[in-house]
Amino acid sequence: VKQRTGKSLSFYLDQLNKVRKQIITRITKMNQDDRERIVGQEKQKYTIEWILYHLNHHEAQHHGQISILNRLFNENS
């Protein structure tokens, strides 16, 4: 992924909110069969439910990283 520079915080927050809204819209329309559907390619197949779990887990890790950066920034200012 190419590094981005020169964007405001509000740009990134807007992007995050747009993606979250899209995900929530799609999730609320899914039933159990949809969540259990297997997707992927020959060597990497996952259920939609596993992908949603992974997205939550991944975002939680980034929340932790942001918290650490905030603490470090606040200690040094």
N, C-alpha and C. Protein backbone atom coordinates (compact mmCIF):
# COMPACT_ATOMS: atom_id res chain seq x y z
N VAL A 1 0.85 -1.17 0.00
CA VAL A 1 0.00 0.00 0.00
C VAL A 1 0.89 1.23 0.00
N LYS A 2 0.61 2.12 -0.91
CA LYS A 2 1.40 3.35 -1.01
C LYS A 2 1.10 4.27 0.17
N GLN A 3 2.15 4.83 0.76
CA GLN A 3 1.97 5.74 1.90
C GLN A 3 1.30 7.02 1.43
N ARG A 4 0.35 7.48 2.23
CA ARG A 4 -0.36 8.72 1.91
C ARG A 4 0.11 9.83 2.83
N THR A 5 0.22 11.01 2.30
CA THR A 5 0.57 12.18 3.11
C THR A 5 -0.30 13.35 2.69
N GLY A 6 -0.37 14.34 3.55
CA GLY A 6 -1.08 15.57 3.22
C GLY A 6 -2.58 15.52 3.38
N LYS A 7 -3.11 14.47 3.98
CA LYS A 7 -4.55 14.37 4.19
C LYS A 7 -4.86 14.77 5.63
N SER A 8 -6.01 15.40 5.82
CA SER A 8 -6.41 15.83 7.16
C SER A 8 -6.97 14.65 7.96
N LEU A 9 -7.02 14.83 9.26
CA LEU A 9 -7.61 13.81 10.13
C LEU A 9 -9.07 13.59 9.75
N SER A 10 -9.78 14.65 9.43
CA SER A 10 -11.20 14.50 9.06
C SER A 10 -11.36 13.66 7.80
N PHE A 11 -10.41 13.73 6.87
CA PHE A 11 -10.46 12.89 5.68
C PHE A 11 -10.46 11.41 6.08
N TYR A 12 -9.54 11.03 6.97
CA TYR A 12 -9.43 9.63 7.38
C TYR A 12 -10.64 9.20 8.20
N LEU A 13 -11.14 10.07 9.06
CA LEU A 13 -12.32 9.73 9.84
C LEU A 13 -13.53 9.56 8.92
N ASP A 14 -13.66 10.40 7.92
CA ASP A 14 -14.76 10.26 6.95
C ASP A 14 -14.66 8.94 6.20
N GLN A 15 -13.46 8.59 5.76
CA GLN A 15 -13.25 7.32 5.06
C GLN A 15 -13.63 6.14 5.95
N LEU A 16 -13.18 6.18 7.19
CA LEU A 16 -13.48 5.11 8.14
C LEU A 16 -14.98 4.99 8.36
N ASN A 17 -15.66 6.10 8.53
CA ASN A 17 -17.11 6.08 8.74
C ASN A 17 -17.85 5.55 7.53
N LYS A 18 -17.42 5.90 6.33
CA LYS A 18 -18.06 5.39 5.11
C LYS A 18 -17.95 3.87 5.03
N VAL A 19 -16.76 3.36 5.29
CA VAL A 19 -16.55 1.91 5.22
C VAL A 19 -17.37 1.20 6.28
N ARG A 20 -17.38 1.73 7.50
CA ARG A 20 -18.16 1.12 8.58
C ARG A 20 -19.65 1.08 8.23
N LYS A 21 -20.17 2.16 7.68
CA LYS A 21 -21.58 2.19 7.30
C LYS A 21 -21.89 1.15 6.24
N GLN A 22 -21.01 0.99 5.26
CA GLN A 22 -21.22 -0.02 4.22
C GLN A 22 -21.23 -1.42 4.82
N ILE A 23 -20.29 -1.69 5.72
CA ILE A 23 -20.22 -3.01 6.34
C ILE A 23 -21.47 -3.28 7.17
N ILE A 24 -21.88 -2.31 7.97
CA ILE A 24 -23.06 -2.49 8.82
C ILE A 24 -24.30 -2.71 7.96
N THR A 25 -24.44 -1.96 6.87
CA THR A 25 -25.58 -2.14 5.97
C THR A 25 -25.61 -3.56 5.42
N ARG A 26 -24.47 -4.06 5.00
CA ARG A 26 -24.42 -5.41 4.43
C ARG A 26 -24.63 -6.49 5.49
N ILE A 27 -24.04 -6.31 6.67
CA ILE A 27 -24.17 -7.32 7.73
C ILE A 27 -25.62 -7.46 8.17
N THR A 28 -26.32 -6.34 8.31
CA THR A 28 -27.70 -6.40 8.80
C THR A 28 -28.63 -7.11 7.82
N LYS A 29 -28.22 -7.22 6.57
CA LYS A 29 -29.03 -7.93 5.57
C LYS A 29 -28.70 -9.42 5.49
N MET A 30 -27.66 -9.85 6.19
CA MET A 30 -27.22 -11.25 6.11
C MET A 30 -28.00 -12.13 7.08
N ASN A 31 -28.28 -13.34 6.65
CA ASN A 31 -28.83 -14.34 7.55
C ASN A 31 -27.73 -15.35 7.88
N GLN A 32 -28.05 -16.35 8.67
CA GLN A 32 -27.04 -17.32 9.09
C GLN A 32 -26.42 -18.05 7.90
N ASP A 33 -27.23 -18.39 6.91
CA ASP A 33 -26.69 -19.06 5.71
C ASP A 33 -25.67 -18.17 4.99
N ASP A 34 -25.98 -16.88 4.91
CA ASP A 34 -25.03 -15.95 4.29
C ASP A 34 -23.71 -15.94 5.05
N ARG A 35 -23.80 -15.88 6.38
CA ARG A 35 -22.57 -15.81 7.20
C ARG A 35 -21.77 -17.10 7.14
N GLU A 36 -22.43 -18.21 6.87
CA GLU A 36 -21.73 -19.49 6.80
C GLU A 36 -21.21 -19.81 5.40
N ARG A 37 -21.54 -18.97 4.43
CA ARG A 37 -21.09 -19.19 3.05
C ARG A 37 -19.57 -19.13 2.98
N ILE A 38 -19.00 -20.06 2.24
CA ILE A 38 -17.55 -20.15 2.09
C ILE A 38 -17.15 -19.41 0.82
N VAL A 39 -16.15 -18.55 0.96
CA VAL A 39 -15.65 -17.77 -0.17
C VAL A 39 -14.13 -17.89 -0.21
N GLY A 40 -13.56 -17.53 -1.33
CA GLY A 40 -12.11 -17.55 -1.46
C GLY A 40 -11.67 -18.33 -2.66
N GLN A 41 -10.41 -18.69 -2.63
CA GLN A 41 -9.82 -19.44 -3.73
C GLN A 41 -9.39 -20.80 -3.22
N GLU A 42 -8.83 -21.58 -4.10
CA GLU A 42 -8.50 -22.97 -3.83
C GLU A 42 -7.78 -23.19 -2.50
N LYS A 43 -6.73 -22.44 -2.24
CA LYS A 43 -5.93 -22.68 -1.03
C LYS A 43 -6.37 -21.85 0.16
N GLN A 44 -7.17 -20.83 -0.05
CA GLN A 44 -7.62 -19.98 1.05
C GLN A 44 -9.12 -19.79 0.96
N LYS A 45 -9.83 -20.57 1.76
CA LYS A 45 -11.29 -20.48 1.80
C LYS A 45 -11.72 -20.17 3.22
N TYR A 46 -12.66 -19.24 3.34
CA TYR A 46 -13.13 -18.81 4.65
C TYR A 46 -14.64 -18.61 4.60
N THR A 47 -15.26 -18.67 5.76
CA THR A 47 -16.67 -18.28 5.83
C THR A 47 -16.74 -16.76 5.96
N ILE A 48 -17.87 -16.21 5.56
CA ILE A 48 -18.09 -14.77 5.73
C ILE A 48 -17.97 -14.42 7.21
N GLU A 49 -18.50 -15.29 8.06
CA GLU A 49 -18.44 -15.05 9.51
C GLU A 49 -16.99 -14.94 9.99
N TRP A 50 -16.11 -15.80 9.50
CA TRP A 50 -14.70 -15.74 9.89
C TRP A 50 -14.09 -14.42 9.42
N ILE A 51 -14.43 -13.99 8.21
CA ILE A 51 -13.89 -12.73 7.68
C ILE A 51 -14.35 -11.56 8.55
N LEU A 52 -15.62 -11.56 8.95
CA LEU A 52 -16.12 -10.50 9.83
C LEU A 52 -15.40 -10.52 11.17
N TYR A 53 -15.18 -11.71 11.73
CA TYR A 53 -14.42 -11.82 12.98
C TYR A 53 -13.02 -11.24 12.78
N HIS A 54 -12.38 -11.61 11.68
CA HIS A 54 -11.02 -11.13 11.41
C HIS A 54 -10.99 -9.61 11.28
N LEU A 55 -11.97 -9.02 10.61
CA LEU A 55 -12.04 -7.56 10.50
C LEU A 55 -12.14 -6.90 11.87
N ASN A 56 -12.98 -7.46 12.74
CA ASN A 56 -13.10 -6.93 14.10
C ASN A 56 -11.78 -7.03 14.85
N HIS A 57 -11.16 -8.18 14.76
CA HIS A 57 -9.89 -8.41 15.45
C HIS A 57 -8.82 -7.45 14.92
N HIS A 58 -8.77 -7.30 13.63
CA HIS A 58 -7.78 -6.43 13.00
C HIS A 58 -7.97 -4.97 13.44
N GLU A 59 -9.22 -4.53 13.46
CA GLU A 59 -9.49 -3.15 13.90
C GLU A 59 -9.13 -2.96 15.36
N ALA A 60 -9.40 -3.97 16.19
CA ALA A 60 -9.04 -3.88 17.61
C ALA A 60 -7.53 -3.71 17.78
N GLN A 61 -6.76 -4.42 16.97
CA GLN A 61 -5.30 -4.26 17.04
C GLN A 61 -4.89 -2.84 16.69
N HIS A 62 -5.52 -2.28 15.68
CA HIS A 62 -5.19 -0.90 15.31
C HIS A 62 -5.62 0.09 16.39
N HIS A 63 -6.72 -0.19 17.07
CA HIS A 63 -7.13 0.67 18.19
C HIS A 63 -6.04 0.68 19.26
N GLY A 64 -5.48 -0.49 19.53
CA GLY A 64 -4.40 -0.58 20.50
C GLY A 64 -3.18 0.21 20.06
N GLN A 65 -2.84 0.11 18.80
CA GLN A 65 -1.69 0.86 18.28
C GLN A 65 -1.93 2.36 18.39
N ILE A 66 -3.13 2.80 18.07
CA ILE A 66 -3.46 4.22 18.16
C ILE A 66 -3.39 4.69 19.61
N SER A 67 -3.86 3.87 20.54
CA SER A 67 -3.78 4.23 21.96
C SER A 67 -2.34 4.41 22.41
N ILE A 68 -1.48 3.50 21.98
CA ILE A 68 -0.06 3.61 22.33
C ILE A 68 0.54 4.89 21.74
N LEU A 69 0.25 5.17 20.48
CA LEU A 69 0.77 6.39 19.86
C LEU A 69 0.26 7.63 20.57
N ASN A 70 -1.01 7.63 20.95
CA ASN A 70 -1.56 8.78 21.68
C ASN A 70 -0.84 8.98 23.00
N ARG A 71 -0.60 7.89 23.73
CA ARG A 71 0.12 8.01 25.01
C ARG A 71 1.53 8.53 24.79
N LEU A 72 2.22 7.98 23.80
CA LEU A 72 3.59 8.42 23.52
C LEU A 72 3.61 9.88 23.11
N PHE A 73 2.68 10.28 22.27
CA PHE A 73 2.62 11.66 21.80
C PHE A 73 2.34 12.60 22.97
N ASN A 74 1.38 12.23 23.82
CA ASN A 74 1.01 13.09 24.95
C ASN A 74 2.12 13.19 25.98
N GLU A 75 2.91 12.12 26.15
CA GLU A 75 4.03 12.16 27.10
C GLU A 75 5.14 13.07 26.60
N ASN A 76 5.28 13.19 25.28
CA ASN A 76 6.37 13.97 24.71
C ASN A 76 5.97 15.40 24.34
N SER A 77 4.72 15.79 24.61
CA SER A 77 4.34 17.17 24.25
C SER A 77 4.31 18.06 25.46
